[in-house]
PDB file of N, CA and C in Angstrom:
ATOM      1  N   MET A   1     -13.165  10.808   8.237  1.00  0.00           N
ATOM      2  CA  MET A   1     -12.264  11.044   7.131  1.00  0.00           C
ATOM      3  C   MET A   1     -12.817  12.220   6.333  1.00  0.00           C
ATOM      4  N   GLN A   2     -11.932  13.092   5.899  1.00  0.00           N
ATOM      5  CA  GLN A   2     -12.328  14.276   5.127  1.00  0.00           C
ATOM      6  C   GLN A   2     -11.601  14.286   3.790  1.00  0.00           C
ATOM      7  N   ASP A   3     -12.348  14.455   2.705  1.00  0.00           N
ATOM      8  CA  ASP A   3     -11.760  14.583   1.366  1.00  0.00           C
ATOM      9  C   ASP A   3     -11.176  15.987   1.254  1.00  0.00           C
ATOM     10  N   CYS A   4      -9.863  16.089   1.058  1.00  0.00           N
ATOM     11  CA  CYS A   4      -9.168  17.385   1.078  1.00  0.00           C
ATOM     12  C   CYS A   4      -8.845  17.937  -0.303  1.00  0.00           C
ATOM     13  N   ALA A   5      -8.875  17.118  -1.332  1.00  0.00           N
ATOM     14  CA  ALA A   5      -8.507  17.618  -2.662  1.00  0.00           C
ATOM     15  C   ALA A   5      -8.987  16.656  -3.739  1.00  0.00           C
ATOM     16  N   ARG A   6      -9.178  17.195  -4.902  1.00  0.00           N
ATOM     17  CA  ARG A   6      -9.436  16.402  -6.108  1.00  0.00           C
ATOM     18  C   ARG A   6      -8.447  16.894  -7.142  1.00  0.00           C
ATOM     19  N   ILE A   7      -7.686  15.972  -7.703  1.00  0.00           N
ATOM     20  CA  ILE A   7      -6.626  16.324  -8.637  1.00  0.00           C
ATOM     21  C   ILE A   7      -6.849  15.556  -9.924  1.00  0.00           C
ATOM     22  N   ALA A   8      -6.902  16.255 -11.032  1.00  0.00           N
ATOM     23  CA  ALA A   8      -7.050  15.627 -12.337  1.00  0.00           C
ATOM     24  C   ALA A   8      -5.663  15.534 -12.978  1.00  0.00           C
ATOM     25  N   LEU A   9      -5.239  14.313 -13.271  1.00  0.00           N
ATOM     26  CA  LEU A   9      -3.940  14.098 -13.901  1.00  0.00           C
ATOM     27  C   LEU A   9      -4.131  13.695 -15.348  1.00  0.00           C
ATOM     28  N   GLU A  10      -3.237  14.140 -16.183  1.00  0.00           N
ATOM     29  CA  GLU A  10      -3.163  13.668 -17.557  1.00  0.00           C
ATOM     30  C   GLU A  10      -2.286  12.419 -17.572  1.00  0.00           C
ATOM     31  N   PRO A  11      -2.374  11.595 -18.615  1.00  0.00           N
ATOM     32  CA  PRO A  11      -1.479  10.440 -18.705  1.00  0.00           C
ATOM     33  C   PRO A  11      -0.017  10.866 -18.566  1.00  0.00           C
ATOM     34  N   ASP A  12       0.750  10.053 -17.849  1.00  0.00           N
ATOM     35  CA  ASP A  12       2.171  10.262 -17.588  1.00  0.00           C
ATOM     36  C   ASP A  12       2.451  11.442 -16.661  1.00  0.00           C
ATOM     37  N   GLU A  13       1.471  11.824 -15.853  1.00  0.00           N
ATOM     38  CA  GLU A  13       1.692  12.791 -14.784  1.00  0.00           C
ATOM     39  C   GLU A  13       1.613  12.069 -13.449  1.00  0.00           C
ATOM     40  N   GLN A  14       2.275  12.641 -12.462  1.00  0.00           N
ATOM     41  CA  GLN A  14       2.381  12.007 -11.154  1.00  0.00           C
ATOM     42  C   GLN A  14       2.222  13.058 -10.066  1.00  0.00           C
ATOM     43  N   ILE A  15       1.665  12.623  -8.923  1.00  0.00           N
ATOM     44  CA  ILE A  15       1.660  13.471  -7.736  1.00  0.00           C
ATOM     45  C   ILE A  15       2.403  12.723  -6.630  1.00  0.00           C
ATOM     46  N   THR A  16       2.991  13.468  -5.715  1.00  0.00           N
ATOM     47  CA  THR A  16       3.745  12.881  -4.613  1.00  0.00           C
ATOM     48  C   THR A  16       3.209  13.443  -3.304  1.00  0.00           C
ATOM     49  N   PHE A  17       2.859  12.554  -2.396  1.00  0.00           N
ATOM     50  CA  PHE A  17       2.452  12.925  -1.048  1.00  0.00           C
ATOM     51  C   PHE A  17       3.666  12.749  -0.143  1.00  0.00           C
ATOM     52  N   VAL A  18       3.869  13.648   0.798  1.00  0.00           N
ATOM     53  CA  VAL A  18       5.003  13.562   1.722  1.00  0.00           C
ATOM     54  C   VAL A  18       4.509  13.723   3.156  1.00  0.00           C
ATOM     55  N   THR A  19       5.257  13.137   4.088  1.00  0.00           N
ATOM     56  CA  THR A  19       4.961  13.284   5.510  1.00  0.00           C
ATOM     57  C   THR A  19       6.092  14.058   6.173  1.00  0.00           C
ATOM     58  N   PRO A  20       5.856  14.598   7.355  1.00  0.00           N
ATOM     59  CA  PRO A  20       6.918  15.320   8.051  1.00  0.00           C
ATOM     60  C   PRO A  20       8.166  14.471   8.314  1.00  0.00           C
ATOM     61  N   SER A  21       7.982  13.146   8.428  1.00  0.00           N
ATOM     62  CA  SER A  21       9.130  12.271   8.689  1.00  0.00           C
ATOM     63  C   SER A  21       9.943  11.971   7.439  1.00  0.00           C
ATOM     64  N   GLY A  22       9.451  12.407   6.275  1.00  0.00           N
ATOM     65  CA  GLY A  22      10.183  12.174   5.035  1.00  0.00           C
ATOM     66  C   GLY A  22       9.656  11.034   4.189  1.00  0.00           C
ATOM     67  N   ALA A  23       8.605  10.348   4.645  1.00  0.00           N
ATOM     68  CA  ALA A  23       8.002   9.291   3.824  1.00  0.00           C
ATOM     69  C   ALA A  23       7.346   9.936   2.609  1.00  0.00           C
ATOM     70  N   GLU A  24       7.386   9.221   1.484  1.00  0.00           N
ATOM     71  CA  GLU A  24       6.779   9.707   0.247  1.00  0.00           C
ATOM     72  C   GLU A  24       5.920   8.611  -0.363  1.00  0.00           C
ATOM     73  N   TYR A  25       4.904   9.053  -1.098  1.00  0.00           N
ATOM     74  CA  TYR A  25       4.009   8.133  -1.783  1.00  0.00           C
ATOM     75  C   TYR A  25       3.602   8.775  -3.100  1.00  0.00           C
ATOM     76  N   ASP A  26       3.869   8.090  -4.202  1.00  0.00           N
ATOM     77  CA  ASP A  26       3.556   8.596  -5.534  1.00  0.00           C
ATOM     78  C   ASP A  26       2.346   7.874  -6.118  1.00  0.00           C
ATOM     79  N   VAL A  27       1.535   8.614  -6.858  1.00  0.00           N
ATOM     80  CA  VAL A  27       0.479   8.045  -7.697  1.00  0.00           C
ATOM     81  C   VAL A  27       0.721   8.579  -9.097  1.00  0.00           C
ATOM     82  N   ALA A  28       0.797   7.682 -10.063  1.00  0.00           N
ATOM     83  CA  ALA A  28       1.088   8.075 -11.438  1.00  0.00           C
ATOM     84  C   ALA A  28      -0.067   7.659 -12.349  1.00  0.00           C
ATOM     85  N   ARG A  29      -0.485   8.566 -13.224  1.00  0.00           N
ATOM     86  CA  ARG A  29      -1.544   8.273 -14.181  1.00  0.00           C
ATOM     87  C   ARG A  29      -0.923   7.792 -15.482  1.00  0.00           C
ATOM     88  N   LYS A  30      -1.510   6.783 -16.056  1.00  0.00           N
ATOM     89  CA  LYS A  30      -1.162   6.289 -17.381  1.00  0.00           C
ATOM     90  C   LYS A  30      -2.428   6.360 -18.239  1.00  0.00           C
ATOM     91  N   SER A  31      -2.309   6.132 -19.512  1.00  0.00           N
ATOM     92  CA  SER A  31      -3.485   6.184 -20.382  1.00  0.00           C
ATOM     93  C   SER A  31      -4.492   5.096 -20.030  1.00  0.00           C
ATOM     94  N   TRP A  32      -4.030   4.010 -19.410  1.00  0.00           N
ATOM     95  CA  TRP A  32      -4.882   2.869 -19.084  1.00  0.00           C
ATOM     96  C   TRP A  32      -5.385   2.880 -17.645  1.00  0.00           C
ATOM     97  N   GLY A  33      -4.930   3.833 -16.832  1.00  0.00           N
ATOM     98  CA  GLY A  33      -5.336   3.862 -15.424  1.00  0.00           C
ATOM     99  C   GLY A  33      -4.260   4.493 -14.567  1.00  0.00           C
ATOM    100  N   PHE A  34      -3.918   3.855 -13.429  1.00  0.00           N
ATOM    101  CA  PHE A  34      -2.968   4.417 -12.469  1.00  0.00           C
ATOM    102  C   PHE A  34      -1.983   3.372 -11.961  1.00  0.00           C
ATOM    103  N   TYR A  35      -0.770   3.803 -11.716  1.00  0.00           N
ATOM    104  CA  TYR A  35       0.120   3.085 -10.817  1.00  0.00           C
ATOM    105  C   TYR A  35      -0.302   3.553  -9.435  1.00  0.00           C
ATOM    106  N   ALA A  36      -0.856   2.678  -8.620  1.00  0.00           N
ATOM    107  CA  ALA A  36      -1.368   3.079  -7.314  1.00  0.00           C
ATOM    108  C   ALA A  36      -0.253   3.286  -6.287  1.00  0.00           C
ATOM    109  N   THR A  37       0.891   2.667  -6.511  1.00  0.00           N
ATOM    110  CA  THR A  37       2.021   2.818  -5.581  1.00  0.00           C
ATOM    111  C   THR A  37       3.320   2.807  -6.370  1.00  0.00           C
ATOM    112  N   PRO A  38       4.384   3.325  -5.769  1.00  0.00           N
ATOM    113  CA  PRO A  38       5.713   3.047  -6.313  1.00  0.00           C
ATOM    114  C   PRO A  38       5.969   1.537  -6.189  1.00  0.00           C
ATOM    115  N   SER A  39       7.067   1.049  -6.732  1.00  0.00           N
ATOM    116  CA  SER A  39       7.361  -0.387  -6.628  1.00  0.00           C
ATOM    117  C   SER A  39       7.333  -0.806  -5.157  1.00  0.00           C
ATOM    118  N   LEU A  40       6.579  -1.845  -4.870  1.00  0.00           N
ATOM    119  CA  LEU A  40       6.354  -2.276  -3.492  1.00  0.00           C
ATOM    120  C   LEU A  40       7.628  -2.715  -2.795  1.00  0.00           C
ATOM    121  N   ASP A  41       8.522  -3.338  -3.532  1.00  0.00           N
ATOM    122  CA  ASP A  41       9.710  -3.924  -2.924  1.00  0.00           C
ATOM    123  C   ASP A  41      10.987  -3.136  -3.210  1.00  0.00           C
ATOM    124  N   ALA A  42      10.864  -1.894  -3.653  1.00  0.00           N
ATOM    125  CA  ALA A  42      12.068  -1.084  -3.929  1.00  0.00           C
ATOM    126  C   ALA A  42      11.817   0.368  -3.527  1.00  0.00           C
ATOM    127  N   ARG A  43      11.213   1.171  -4.412  1.00  0.00           N
ATOM    128  CA  ARG A  43      11.052   2.604  -4.126  1.00  0.00           C
ATOM    129  C   ARG A  43      10.202   2.865  -2.894  1.00  0.00           C
ATOM    130  N   LEU A  44       9.122   2.110  -2.701  1.00  0.00           N
ATOM    131  CA  LEU A  44       8.266   2.339  -1.543  1.00  0.00           C
ATOM    132  C   LEU A  44       9.055   2.157  -0.247  1.00  0.00           C
ATOM    133  N   ALA A  45       9.892   1.125  -0.212  1.00  0.00           N
ATOM    134  CA  ALA A  45      10.731   0.899   0.971  1.00  0.00           C
ATOM    135  C   ALA A  45      11.709   2.057   1.180  1.00  0.00           C
ATOM    136  N   ARG A  46      12.280   2.566   0.093  1.00  0.00           N
ATOM    137  CA  ARG A  46      13.187   3.714   0.212  1.00  0.00           C
ATOM    138  C   ARG A  46      12.447   4.954   0.689  1.00  0.00           C
ATOM    139  N   PHE A  47      11.130   5.015   0.432  1.00  0.00           N
ATOM    140  CA  PHE A  47      10.307   6.142   0.881  1.00  0.00           C
ATOM    141  C   PHE A  47       9.825   5.939   2.315  1.00  0.00           C
ATOM    142  N   ASN A  48      10.332   4.906   2.992  1.00  0.00           N
ATOM    143  CA  ASN A  48      10.038   4.661   4.402  1.00  0.00           C
ATOM    144  C   ASN A  48       8.617   4.149   4.646  1.00  0.00           C
ATOM    145  N   LEU A  49       8.066   3.436   3.663  1.00  0.00           N
ATOM    146  CA  LEU A  49       6.719   2.881   3.796  1.00  0.00           C
ATOM    147  C   LEU A  49       6.725   1.378   3.565  1.00  0.00           C
ATOM    148  N   ARG A  50       5.823   0.683   4.245  1.00  0.00           N
ATOM    149  CA  ARG A  50       5.628  -0.754   4.085  1.00  0.00           C
ATOM    150  C   ARG A  50       4.217  -0.999   3.577  1.00  0.00           C
ATOM    151  N   ALA A  51       4.077  -1.802   2.542  1.00  0.00           N
ATOM    152  CA  ALA A  51       2.763  -2.118   1.985  1.00  0.00           C
ATOM    153  C   ALA A  51       2.234  -3.411   2.598  1.00  0.00           C
ATOM    154  N   ALA A  52       0.932  -3.401   2.883  1.00  0.00           N
ATOM    155  CA  ALA A  52       0.283  -4.592   3.421  1.00  0.00           C
ATOM    156  C   ALA A  52      -1.117  -4.704   2.827  1.00  0.00           C
ATOM    157  N   LEU A  53      -1.520  -5.935   2.523  1.00  0.00           N
ATOM    158  CA  LEU A  53      -2.890  -6.229   2.139  1.00  0.00           C
ATOM    159  C   LEU A  53      -3.649  -6.482   3.432  1.00  0.00           C
ATOM    160  N   VAL A  54      -4.728  -5.719   3.654  1.00  0.00           N
ATOM    161  CA  VAL A  54      -5.461  -5.764   4.918  1.00  0.00           C
ATOM    162  C   VAL A  54      -6.916  -6.120   4.641  1.00  0.00           C
ATOM    163  N   LYS A  55      -7.489  -6.928   5.529  1.00  0.00           N
ATOM    164  CA  LYS A  55      -8.893  -7.327   5.422  1.00  0.00           C
ATOM    165  C   LYS A  55      -9.649  -6.775   6.622  1.00  0.00           C
ATOM    166  N   ASN A  56     -10.823  -6.154   6.351  1.00  0.00           N
ATOM    167  CA  ASN A  56     -11.600  -5.624   7.471  1.00  0.00           C
ATOM    168  C   ASN A  56     -12.628  -6.647   7.944  1.00  0.00           C
ATOM    169  N   ALA A  57     -13.381  -6.274   8.968  1.00  0.00           N
ATOM    170  CA  ALA A  57     -14.348  -7.194   9.572  1.00  0.00           C
ATOM    171  C   ALA A  57     -15.467  -7.572   8.612  1.00  0.00           C
ATOM    172  N   SER A  58     -15.726  -6.740   7.606  1.00  0.00           N
ATOM    173  CA  SER A  58     -16.768  -7.032   6.614  1.00  0.00           C
ATOM    174  C   SER A  58     -16.256  -7.852   5.442  1.00  0.00           C
ATOM    175  N   GLY A  59     -14.958  -8.193   5.462  1.00  0.00           N
ATOM    176  CA  GLY A  59     -14.377  -8.981   4.382  1.00  0.00           C
ATOM    177  C   GLY A  59     -13.856  -8.152   3.229  1.00  0.00           C
ATOM    178  N   ARG A  60     -13.828  -6.833   3.362  1.00  0.00           N
ATOM    179  CA  ARG A  60     -13.284  -5.977   2.307  1.00  0.00           C
ATOM    180  C   ARG A  60     -11.778  -5.854   2.469  1.00  0.00           C
ATOM    181  N   HIS A  61     -11.103  -5.667   1.342  1.00  0.00           N
ATOM    182  CA  HIS A  61      -9.641  -5.622   1.330  1.00  0.00           C
ATOM    183  C   HIS A  61      -9.124  -4.236   0.970  1.00  0.00           C
ATOM    184  N   PHE A  62      -8.001  -3.878   1.574  1.00  0.00           N
ATOM    185  CA  PHE A  62      -7.371  -2.580   1.371  1.00  0.00           C
ATOM    186  C   PHE A  62      -5.866  -2.766   1.274  1.00  0.00           C
ATOM    187  N   ILE A  63      -5.201  -1.853   0.610  1.00  0.00           N
ATOM    188  CA  ILE A  63      -3.743  -1.776   0.649  1.00  0.00           C
ATOM    189  C   ILE A  63      -3.405  -0.658   1.618  1.00  0.00           C
ATOM    190  N   PHE A  64      -2.694  -0.981   2.670  1.00  0.00           N
ATOM    191  CA  PHE A  64      -2.200   0.014   3.619  1.00  0.00           C
ATOM    192  C   PHE A  64      -0.742   0.295   3.304  1.00  0.00           C
ATOM    193  N   LEU A  65      -0.348   1.538   3.414  1.00  0.00           N
ATOM    194  CA  LEU A  65       1.049   1.944   3.340  1.00  0.00           C
ATOM    195  C   LEU A  65       1.398   2.468   4.719  1.00  0.00           C
ATOM    196  N   ILE A  66       2.185   1.713   5.459  1.00  0.00           N
ATOM    197  CA  ILE A  66       2.450   1.979   6.868  1.00  0.00           C
ATOM    198  C   ILE A  66       3.847   2.558   7.015  1.00  0.00           C
ATOM    199  N   GLU A  67       3.943   3.725   7.651  1.00  0.00           N
ATOM    200  CA  GLU A  67       5.255   4.332   7.868  1.00  0.00           C
ATOM    201  C   GLU A  67       6.075   3.463   8.802  1.00  0.00           C
ATOM    202  N   ARG A  68       7.331   3.251   8.434  1.00  0.00           N
ATOM    203  CA  ARG A  68       8.234   2.513   9.323  1.00  0.00           C
ATOM    204  C   ARG A  68       8.304   3.261  10.649  1.00  0.00           C
ATOM    205  N   GLY A  69       8.195   2.522  11.718  1.00  0.00           N
ATOM    206  CA  GLY A  69       8.189   3.110  13.046  1.00  0.00           C
ATOM    207  C   GLY A  69       6.787   3.368  13.569  1.00  0.00           C
ATOM    208  N   ALA A  70       5.783   3.308  12.700  1.00  0.00           N
ATOM    209  CA  ALA A  70       4.394   3.538  13.107  1.00  0.00           C
ATOM    210  C   ALA A  70       3.577   2.248  13.063  1.00  0.00           C
ATOM    211  N   GLU A  71       4.270   1.114  12.985  1.00  0.00           N
ATOM    212  CA  GLU A  71       3.568  -0.173  12.894  1.00  0.00           C
ATOM    213  C   GLU A  71       2.653  -0.401  14.105  1.00  0.00           C
ATOM    214  N   ARG A  72       3.114  -0.036  15.293  1.00  0.00           N
ATOM    215  CA  ARG A  72       2.295  -0.256  16.496  1.00  0.00           C
ATOM    216  C   ARG A  72       1.021   0.580  16.442  1.00  0.00           C
ATOM    217  N   ASP A  73       1.121   1.830  15.977  1.00  0.00           N
ATOM    218  CA  ASP A  73      -0.073   2.664  15.831  1.00  0.00           C
ATOM    219  C   ASP A  73      -1.059   2.013  14.865  1.00  0.00           C
ATOM    220  N   CYS A  74      -0.543   1.466  13.787  1.00  0.00           N
ATOM    221  CA  CYS A  74      -1.396   0.801  12.803  1.00  0.00           C
ATOM    222  C   CYS A  74      -2.031  -0.450  13.407  1.00  0.00           C
ATOM    223  N   GLU A  75      -1.254  -1.220  14.166  1.00  0.00           N
ATOM    224  CA  GLU A  75      -1.797  -2.414  14.819  1.00  0.00           C
ATOM    225  C   GLU A  75      -2.947  -2.045  15.751  1.00  0.00           C
ATOM    226  N   CYS A  76      -2.785  -0.979  16.524  1.00  0.00           N
ATOM    227  CA  CYS A  76      -3.852  -0.533  17.429  1.00  0.00           C
ATOM    228  C   CYS A  76      -5.093  -0.133  16.642  1.00  0.00           C
ATOM    229  N   TYR A  77      -4.897   0.589  15.552  1.00  0.00           N
ATOM    230  CA  TYR A  77      -6.019   0.985  14.703  1.00  0.00           C
ATOM    231  C   TYR A  77      -6.735  -0.249  14.159  1.00  0.00           C
ATOM    232  N   MET A  78      -5.963  -1.199  13.626  1.00  0.00           N
ATOM    233  CA  MET A  78      -6.578  -2.392  13.044  1.00  0.00           C
ATOM    234  C   MET A  78      -7.334  -3.190  14.103  1.00  0.00           C
ATOM    235  N   GLU A  79      -6.769  -3.300  15.301  1.00  0.00           N
ATOM    236  CA  GLU A  79      -7.466  -4.006  16.380  1.00  0.00           C
ATOM    237  C   GLU A  79      -8.801  -3.337  16.691  1.00  0.00           C
ATOM    238  N   SER A  80      -8.814  -2.007  16.769  1.00  0.00           N
ATOM    239  CA  SER A  80     -10.046  -1.282  17.104  1.00  0.00           C
ATOM    240  C   SER A  80     -11.090  -1.391  15.999  1.00  0.00           C
ATOM    241  N   GLU A  81     -10.651  -1.627  14.760  1.00  0.00           N
ATOM    242  CA  GLU A  81     -11.562  -1.704  13.615  1.00  0.00           C
ATOM    243  C   GLU A  81     -11.858  -3.143  13.186  1.00  0.00           C
ATOM    244  N   GLY A  82     -11.293  -4.113  13.879  1.00  0.00           N
ATOM    245  CA  GLY A  82     -11.519  -5.507  13.509  1.00  0.00           C
ATOM    246  C   GLY A  82     -10.846  -5.896  12.203  1.00  0.00           C
ATOM    247  N   MET A  83      -9.670  -5.336  11.957  1.00  0.00           N
ATOM    248  CA  MET A  83      -8.931  -5.604  10.719  1.00  0.00           C
ATOM    249  C   MET A  83      -7.726  -6.488  11.014  1.00  0.00           C
ATOM    250  N   ARG A  84      -7.233  -7.118   9.950  1.00  0.00           N
ATOM    251  CA  ARG A  84      -5.997  -7.903  10.099  1.00  0.00           C
ATOM    252  C   ARG A  84      -5.194  -7.845   8.809  1.00  0.00           C
ATOM    253  N   ILE A  85      -3.905  -8.031   8.939  1.00  0.00           N
ATOM    254  CA  ILE A  85      -3.030  -8.067   7.764  1.00  0.00           C
ATOM    255  C   ILE A  85      -3.144  -9.442   7.129  1.00  0.00           C
ATOM    256  N   ALA A  86      -3.516  -9.476   5.865  1.00  0.00           N
ATOM    257  CA  ALA A  86      -3.605 -10.727   5.118  1.00  0.00           C
ATOM    258  C   ALA A  86      -2.237 -11.096   4.560  1.00  0.00           C
ATOM    259  N   ALA A  87      -1.462 -10.085   4.135  1.00  0.00           N
ATOM    260  CA  ALA A  87      -0.125 -10.332   3.587  1.00  0.00           C
ATOM    261  C   ALA A  87       0.677  -9.040   3.571  1.00  0.00           C
ATOM    262  N   TRP A  88       1.948  -9.157   3.918  1.00  0.00           N
ATOM    263  CA  TRP A  88       2.872  -8.041   3.710  1.00  0.00           C
ATOM    264  C   TRP A  88       3.279  -8.055   2.245  1.00  0.00           C
ATOM    265  N   LEU A  89       3.421  -6.893   1.661  1.00  0.00           N
ATOM    266  CA  LEU A  89       3.794  -6.754   0.249  1.00  0.00           C
ATOM    267  C   LEU A  89       5.016  -5.858   0.117  1.00  0.00           C
ATOM    268  N   ASP A  90       5.876  -5.863   1.130  1.00  0.00           N
ATOM    269  CA  ASP A  90       6.939  -4.858   1.205  1.00  0.00           C
ATOM    270  C   ASP A  90       8.342  -5.375   0.917  1.00  0.00           C
ATOM    271  N   SER A  91       8.447  -6.587   0.417  1.00  0.00           N
ATOM    272  CA  SER A  91       9.772  -7.102   0.067  1.00  0.00           C
ATOM    273  C   SER A  91       9.655  -8.046  -1.128  1.00  0.00           C
ATOM    274  N   ALA A  92      10.758  -8.225  -1.820  1.00  0.00           N
ATOM    275  CA  ALA A  92      10.771  -9.162  -2.945  1.00  0.00           C
ATOM    276  C   ALA A  92      10.406 -10.560  -2.463  1.00  0.00           C
ATOM    277  N   GLU A  93      10.893 -10.943  -1.283  1.00  0.00           N
ATOM    278  CA  GLU A  93      10.604 -12.260  -0.726  1.00  0.00           C
ATOM    279  C   GLU A  93       9.113 -12.426  -0.429  1.00  0.00           C
ATOM    280  N   ALA A  94       8.491 -11.410   0.170  1.00  0.00           N
ATOM    281  CA  ALA A  94       7.055 -11.482   0.471  1.00  0.00           C
ATOM    282  C   ALA A  94       6.244 -11.608  -0.814  1.00  0.00           C
ATOM    283  N   CYS A  95       6.606 -10.860  -1.833  1.00  0.00           N
ATOM    284  CA  CYS A  95       5.889 -10.933  -3.113  1.00  0.00           C
ATOM    285  C   CYS A  95       6.106 -12.292  -3.779  1.00  0.00           C
ATOM    286  N   ARG A  96       7.337 -12.808  -3.719  1.00  0.00           N
ATOM    287  CA  ARG A  96       7.627 -14.125  -4.289  1.00  0.00           C
ATOM    288  C   ARG A  96       6.769 -15.191  -3.613  1.00  0.00           C
ATOM    289  N   GLN A  97       6.686 -15.159  -2.282  1.00  0.00           N
ATOM    290  CA  GLN A  97       5.880 -16.133  -1.555  1.00  0.00           C
ATOM    291  C   GLN A  97       4.409 -16.036  -1.937  1.00  0.00           C
ATOM    292  N   LEU A  98       3.923 -14.821  -2.129  1.00  0.00           N
ATOM    293  CA  LEU A  98       2.538 -14.638  -2.545  1.00  0.00           C
ATOM    294  C   LEU A  98       2.294 -15.244  -3.924  1.00  0.00           C
ATOM    295  N   TYR A  99       3.206 -14.977  -4.858  1.00  0.00           N
ATOM    296  CA  TYR A  99       3.078 -15.560  -6.199  1.00  0.00           C
ATOM    297  C   TYR A  99       3.127 -17.085  -6.139  1.00  0.00           C
ATOM    298  N   GLU A 100       4.028 -17.627  -5.348  1.00  0.00           N
ATOM    299  CA  GLU A 100       4.135 -19.082  -5.241  1.00  0.00           C
ATOM    300  C   GLU A 100       2.876 -19.692  -4.648  1.00  0.00           C
ATOM    301  N   SER A 101       2.302 -19.043  -3.634  1.00  0.00           N
ATOM    302  CA  SER A 101       1.081 -19.586  -3.038  1.00  0.00           C
ATOM    303  C   SER A 101      -0.072 -19.533  -4.041  1.00  0.00           C
ATOM    304  N   ARG A 102      -0.126 -18.495  -4.862  1.00  0.00           N
ATOM    305  CA  ARG A 102      -1.166 -18.391  -5.897  1.00  0.00           C
ATOM    306  C   ARG A 102      -0.965 -19.460  -6.965  1.00  0.00           C
ATOM    307  N   ALA A 103       0.280 -19.752  -7.325  1.00  0.00           N
ATOM    308  CA  ALA A 103       0.567 -20.760  -8.360  1.00  0.00           C
ATOM    309  C   ALA A 103       0.098 -22.142  -7.896  1.00  0.00           C
ATOM    310  N   LYS A 104       0.215 -22.410  -6.601  1.00  0.00           N
ATOM    311  CA  LYS A 104      -0.223 -23.699  -6.055  1.00  0.00           C
ATOM    312  C   LYS A 104      -1.735 -23.843  -6.118  1.00  0.00           C
ATOM    313  N   GLU A 105      -2.454 -22.714  -6.086  1.00  0.00           N
ATOM    314  CA  GLU A 105      -3.918 -22.734  -6.116  1.00  0.00           C
ATOM    315  C   GLU A 105      -4.475 -22.833  -7.529  1.00  0.00           C
ATOM    316  N   ALA A 106      -3.642 -22.551  -8.541  1.00  0.00           N
ATOM    317  CA  ALA A 106      -4.117 -22.533  -9.925  1.00  0.00           C
ATOM    318  C   ALA A 106      -4.559 -23.943 -10.342  1.00  0.00           C
ATOM    319  N   PRO A 107      -5.602 -24.006 -11.182  1.00  0.00           N
ATOM    320  CA  PRO A 107      -6.100 -25.331 -11.619  1.00  0.00           C
ATOM    321  C   PRO A 107      -5.131 -26.028 -12.541  1.00  0.00           C
TER     322      PRO A 107
END
């Protein structure tokens, strides 16, 4: 992996990454930190990306944004790296199920 740029944003500024296929990914700075993704179950889907919570072989977690149509490439990558999808975060239903499962675990 190669670090290609460092961008300093002021609060309420945003950058947009694009792919040749037309997928887009925004990062927005706020005074308190960052919106790391567009809305998972609305704008991100319109940008042709699917969000997934992924766990690696060391137990570390990542958010993957997978281009629609490239799921098989991602699966091959995850298999080679010993990773697995812990949860899809790309629909209102998936997010609702995640919230419900967390509510059941609450004391």
